[in-house]
Amino acid sequence: MQTFSLNTLPVSRWKNGGGETREICRIPSDEPGDDFAWRASIATIERDGDFSSFPGVDRVITLLSGDGVELCGEDWRHRLTLHQPFAFAGEQAITARLCGGVSLDFNIMVDRRRYRAEIAVVNGTAAQTPAADGVAYVLAGHWRSGAHRLAAGDGVWWRSSGVDWTPDDDNAVLLLTTIHAR
């Protein structure tokens, strides 16, 4: 398992100037020309703008903080609400509109030919992941996994193993992503 903290992840500004990304991990693809097999990141959206297109990629976005973001597709709209994952196809033309100030969002992207992402918000109960890749990010309180004790803003990612999670206090909330191979 590889640990990370939101405050120490490297920051990359977006080309359009509308925000920044903190990449948690990028698992390389075995396919020539593909950028990644799957990727996890935390993004700051600072102003309204278009999302980048990722053909062949399924995306899941989860609002971590802020007043919300309205995503607008060709014939649909969806308002992101706190800690509620929302999935969409990466090739869709999508515009993001802030519903207030700056937002912070957790993002998972997977090559849909090879992987499927499952994201759960775990509130204060023990959880176990299957033998698969994954990412866990602490939303509130403290969590334990093996020798690791994580606080809000901390996380871990792993490859091909099952992981047990135990809350360490009453208000513990965990964003748990499992990356299933197809």
Protein backbone atom coordinates (compact mmCIF):
# COMPACT_ATOMS: atom_id res chain seq x y z
CA MET A 1 0.00 0.00 0.00
CA GLN A 2 1.14 3.50 -0.83
CA THR A 3 0.04 6.26 1.56
CA PHE A 4 -0.67 9.86 0.56
CA SER A 5 -1.89 13.10 2.08
CA LEU A 6 -3.88 15.76 0.25
CA ASN A 7 -1.45 18.43 1.51
CA THR A 8 1.64 16.73 0.05
CA LEU A 9 0.37 15.55 -3.35
CA PRO A 10 2.06 17.33 -6.30
CA VAL A 11 -0.12 20.04 -7.89
CA SER A 12 -0.56 20.54 -11.66
CA ARG A 13 -2.42 23.58 -13.00
CA TRP A 14 -4.98 22.96 -15.74
CA LYS A 15 -4.19 24.22 -19.23
CA ASN A 16 -7.44 26.24 -19.25
CA GLY A 17 -6.52 27.92 -15.94
CA GLY A 18 -9.77 26.86 -14.28
CA GLY A 19 -8.31 24.68 -11.58
CA GLU A 20 -5.64 22.20 -10.59
CA THR A 21 -5.14 18.47 -10.13
CA ARG A 22 -3.33 16.54 -7.43
CA GLU A 23 -2.59 13.11 -8.87
CA ILE A 24 -2.78 10.26 -6.35
CA CYS A 25 -1.70 7.53 -8.75
CA ARG A 26 -1.61 6.68 -12.45
CA ILE A 27 -1.44 2.99 -13.34
CA PRO A 28 0.17 2.63 -16.78
CA SER A 29 -1.65 0.89 -19.60
CA ASP A 30 -0.24 -2.13 -21.42
CA GLU A 31 -1.93 -0.88 -24.60
CA PRO A 32 0.13 1.29 -26.99
CA GLY A 33 -1.18 4.84 -27.18
CA ASP A 34 -3.26 4.63 -23.99
CA ASP A 35 -2.35 7.13 -21.29
CA PHE A 36 -3.33 4.97 -18.30
CA ALA A 37 -5.20 1.83 -17.23
CA TRP A 38 -6.68 3.71 -14.27
CA ARG A 39 -6.00 6.93 -12.45
CA ALA A 40 -7.00 8.60 -9.17
CA SER A 41 -6.74 12.31 -8.38
CA ILE A 42 -8.16 15.17 -6.37
CA ALA A 43 -9.08 18.30 -8.31
CA THR A 44 -9.80 21.86 -7.31
CA ILE A 45 -12.36 23.55 -9.58
CA GLU A 46 -11.88 27.32 -9.32
CA ARG A 47 -14.19 28.54 -12.09
CA ASP A 48 -16.76 27.37 -14.62
CA GLY A 49 -15.38 25.52 -17.63
CA ASP A 50 -15.36 22.47 -19.88
CA PHE A 51 -14.07 19.10 -18.72
CA SER A 52 -11.31 17.49 -20.77
CA SER A 53 -12.42 14.65 -23.04
CA PHE A 54 -11.19 11.12 -22.29
CA PRO A 55 -12.54 8.74 -24.99
CA GLY A 56 -12.88 5.13 -23.81
CA VAL A 57 -12.62 6.15 -20.16
CA ASP A 58 -15.30 5.86 -17.48
CA ARG A 59 -15.12 8.56 -14.82
CA VAL A 60 -16.50 8.92 -11.31
CA ILE A 61 -16.41 12.27 -9.52
CA THR A 62 -17.22 12.86 -5.84
CA LEU A 63 -17.57 16.30 -4.25
CA LEU A 64 -15.29 16.52 -1.20
CA SER A 65 -15.93 20.15 -0.25
CA GLY A 66 -17.53 23.31 -1.58
CA ASP A 67 -21.05 24.46 -2.43
CA GLY A 68 -21.44 21.97 -5.25
CA VAL A 69 -20.89 21.77 -8.97
CA GLU A 70 -23.51 21.44 -11.69
CA LEU A 71 -22.35 19.22 -14.54
CA CYS A 72 -24.05 19.94 -17.86
CA GLY A 73 -24.02 17.42 -20.69
CA GLU A 74 -25.67 17.61 -24.11
CA ASP A 75 -29.13 16.70 -22.82
CA TRP A 76 -28.74 16.39 -19.04
CA ARG A 77 -27.70 18.23 -15.88
CA HIS A 78 -26.53 16.86 -12.55
CA ARG A 79 -25.63 18.75 -9.38
CA LEU A 80 -22.83 17.16 -7.39
CA THR A 81 -23.61 16.94 -3.70
CA LEU A 82 -21.22 16.28 -0.85
CA HIS A 83 -19.81 12.72 -0.76
CA GLN A 84 -22.18 11.37 -3.46
CA PRO A 85 -20.25 9.70 -6.33
CA PHE A 86 -21.43 10.44 -9.88
CA ALA A 87 -20.35 8.32 -12.88
CA PHE A 88 -20.18 9.42 -16.52
CA ALA A 89 -18.45 8.54 -19.80
CA GLY A 90 -15.20 10.42 -20.33
CA GLU A 91 -15.88 11.23 -23.98
CA GLN A 92 -19.02 13.24 -23.17
CA ALA A 93 -18.82 17.00 -23.68
CA ILE A 94 -19.38 18.33 -20.16
CA THR A 95 -19.33 21.83 -18.72
CA ALA A 96 -18.89 22.36 -14.98
CA ARG A 97 -20.64 25.29 -13.28
CA LEU A 98 -19.78 26.14 -9.69
CA CYS A 99 -22.79 26.55 -7.39
CA GLY A 100 -20.82 28.88 -5.12
CA GLY A 101 -17.11 29.05 -4.38
CA VAL A 102 -14.25 26.72 -5.19
CA SER A 103 -14.89 22.97 -5.02
CA LEU A 104 -12.64 20.03 -4.20
CA ASP A 105 -13.42 16.76 -6.01
CA PHE A 106 -12.16 13.16 -5.88
CA ASN A 107 -11.80 11.63 -9.35
CA ILE A 108 -11.41 8.08 -10.61
CA MET A 109 -10.82 7.32 -14.29
CA VAL A 110 -10.65 3.79 -15.71
CA ASP A 111 -10.10 2.31 -19.16
CA ARG A 112 -13.59 0.83 -19.61
CA ARG A 113 -12.32 -2.09 -21.71
CA ARG A 114 -10.24 -3.35 -18.78
CA TYR A 115 -11.69 -1.98 -15.54
CA ARG A 116 -14.82 -0.94 -13.67
CA ALA A 117 -14.76 1.38 -10.66
CA GLU A 118 -16.98 0.90 -7.62
CA ILE A 119 -17.06 3.73 -5.08
CA ALA A 120 -18.69 3.55 -1.66
CA VAL A 121 -18.97 5.99 1.22
CA VAL A 122 -18.42 3.99 4.42
CA ASN A 123 -19.83 5.56 7.60
CA GLY A 124 -18.24 4.22 10.77
CA THR A 125 -18.48 0.49 10.05
CA ALA A 126 -15.71 -1.96 9.21
CA ALA A 127 -15.20 -2.68 5.52
CA GLN A 128 -13.20 -5.12 3.42
CA THR A 129 -12.21 -4.90 -0.23
CA PRO A 130 -11.79 -7.91 -2.52
CA ALA A 131 -8.42 -8.85 -4.04
CA ALA A 132 -8.34 -5.94 -6.48
CA ASP A 133 -6.74 -2.53 -7.01
CA GLY A 134 -8.16 0.35 -5.02
CA VAL A 135 -7.96 3.73 -3.32
CA ALA A 136 -9.21 4.81 0.10
CA TYR A 137 -9.52 8.45 1.19
CA VAL A 138 -10.53 9.49 4.71
CA LEU A 139 -13.35 12.05 4.66
CA ALA A 140 -13.72 12.36 8.46
CA GLY A 141 -12.31 10.89 11.64
CA HIS A 142 -9.64 8.18 11.66
CA TRP A 143 -9.34 4.75 10.02
CA ARG A 144 -6.98 1.80 10.45
CA SER A 145 -5.75 -0.74 7.93
CA GLY A 146 -3.00 -3.02 9.17
CA ALA A 147 -0.23 -0.82 10.55
CA HIS A 148 -1.64 2.32 8.90
CA ARG A 149 -3.71 4.86 10.86
CA LEU A 150 -5.13 7.56 8.61
CA ALA A 151 -6.79 10.90 9.42
CA ALA A 152 -9.09 13.12 7.34
CA GLY A 153 -7.24 14.18 4.18
CA ASP A 154 -5.06 11.05 4.17
CA GLY A 155 -5.39 8.00 1.97
CA VAL A 156 -3.79 4.93 0.48
CA TRP A 157 -3.82 3.15 -2.86
CA TRP A 158 -2.93 -0.45 -3.58
CA ARG A 159 -2.64 -3.06 -6.31
CA SER A 160 -4.23 -6.52 -6.45
CA SER A 161 -4.89 -7.15 -2.77
CA GLY A 162 -7.78 -7.21 -0.34
CA VAL A 163 -7.73 -4.57 2.38
CA ASP A 164 -9.53 -4.48 5.74
CA TRP A 165 -10.69 -1.13 7.15
CA THR A 166 -11.67 -0.38 10.75
CA PRO A 167 -13.02 2.98 11.97
CA ASP A 168 -11.03 4.43 14.86
CA ASP A 169 -13.70 6.81 16.14
CA ASP A 170 -17.45 7.43 16.00
CA ASN A 171 -17.44 10.04 13.21
CA ALA A 172 -15.19 8.09 10.81
CA VAL A 173 -16.18 8.35 7.12
CA LEU A 174 -14.19 6.68 4.32
CA LEU A 175 -14.41 7.04 0.53
CA LEU A 176 -13.55 3.54 -0.67
CA THR A 177 -12.82 2.79 -4.33
CA THR A 178 -12.42 -0.72 -5.71
CA ILE A 179 -11.09 -1.11 -9.25
CA HIS A 180 -12.47 -4.36 -10.69
CA ALA A 181 -10.75 -6.00 -13.66
CA ARG A 182 -13.15 -6.98 -16.47
